[in-house]
Amino acid sequence: MVIHVDQIPHTDDQENVRKDESPDADEQPYVCYICAKAFTTISNLIIHIQTHMAVKLHRCNVCQKQFYTQNILKRHLRIHLGEKPHACDICHMRFSQLADLKVHMLKHTGERPHMCHICPKTFFTSALLASHIRTHTSDNPHKCNVCQKQFTTYTHCRVHMRIHTGEKPHECEVCHRRFSQHGSLKTHILLHTGERPYKCDLCNKRFTTRGNLQLHLLVHTGERPHRCNVCYKTFAQYCSLKTHMLTHSSETPCRLSRAYQCSVCHKRFTAPGSVTTHMLLHTGERPHKCDICNKQFTTRSNLKVHQRTHTAERPKKCSSNFVELVKMIQNKSSKG
């Protein structure tokens, strides 16, 4: 559907495409009859009116997504072409869109201009804030059409769908392992670079993700915040509690309690991470390497146990005097 100037609705007593009588009329003389927004040219006004009428005339020939203008479509095509013309002056990370670069720059400045009116959390973008607010209202408008799980954003729902489709669009350039989420790929690349950007202020141990650091801090406090409401057993990790809850479920058949299956030997598991670790037995891959003797292991936990043979270290639990300090570090880490 193409909108021409003579197709824009108008009334007898007032033109819809009209000259603005305000002092700034010379700069933006064309005014939208719906929202009163002003524009410098009539073509920009017509494009704007299409947004009110939900008309998207320009279609991407790769993914079929539609856009209001040719310029927006051109910017979108950079995603498919891999073009990233906008570079950060600080870390040299590149982006396909200027708006993404502007959001990225906030990470360097530490600025989080969008604040939740319910809790003290702040966010880089209004979209992240809107998604967060739904966690307060329990509004999950986006539903998976396979398992009916609901999500606060369409993006989260779309990424979740890859569990069902098996799609893994993000590939590591070093070992060619593929991932369903870009964030998982970024974390994986740290295994190749050896970088561990998150450090525990108590024992100086370093981690690849902020989430792993938060879990590690529980070792110092002995805290197990996740409790089973059936037998009252407590767990340090929520995923461990979810797995444990399957042992109480009388409604879920055994075959469904182990919903994740190995594609090679068909062994079933209760968590997707267990399948990933199990697959290493088939591939022979041992991604975790001891930096002292170069011995390799399939899991990080096995590597940690092995490393104690070099240091004679035994696991320790900090005294209760550290609890308040650790909680302060946890709060700082979650806000960082």
Foldseek 3Di string as FASTA:
>chain_A
DDDDPVNDDDDPVDGQQAADPDPCSCQFGGAHNPPRDTHRDVVVNRLVVCVVVVDFDAADPPPRDTHSDPVVNVLVCCVVVVDFPAADPPPRDTHSDPVVNVLVVCVVVVDFPAAAPVDGAGHSDPVVNQLVVCVVVVDFPAAAPPPRDTGSDPVVNVLVCCVVVVDFPAADPPPRDTHSDPVVNQLVVCLVVVDFPAADPPPRDGHSDLVVVLLVLCQQQVDFPAADPPPRDGHSDPVVNVLVVLVVDPPDDPCVCQVAAAPPPGDTHNDPVVNVLVCCVVVVDFSAADPPPRDGHSDPVVVVVVVCVVVVDDRDYHDNVCVVVSVVVSVVSVND
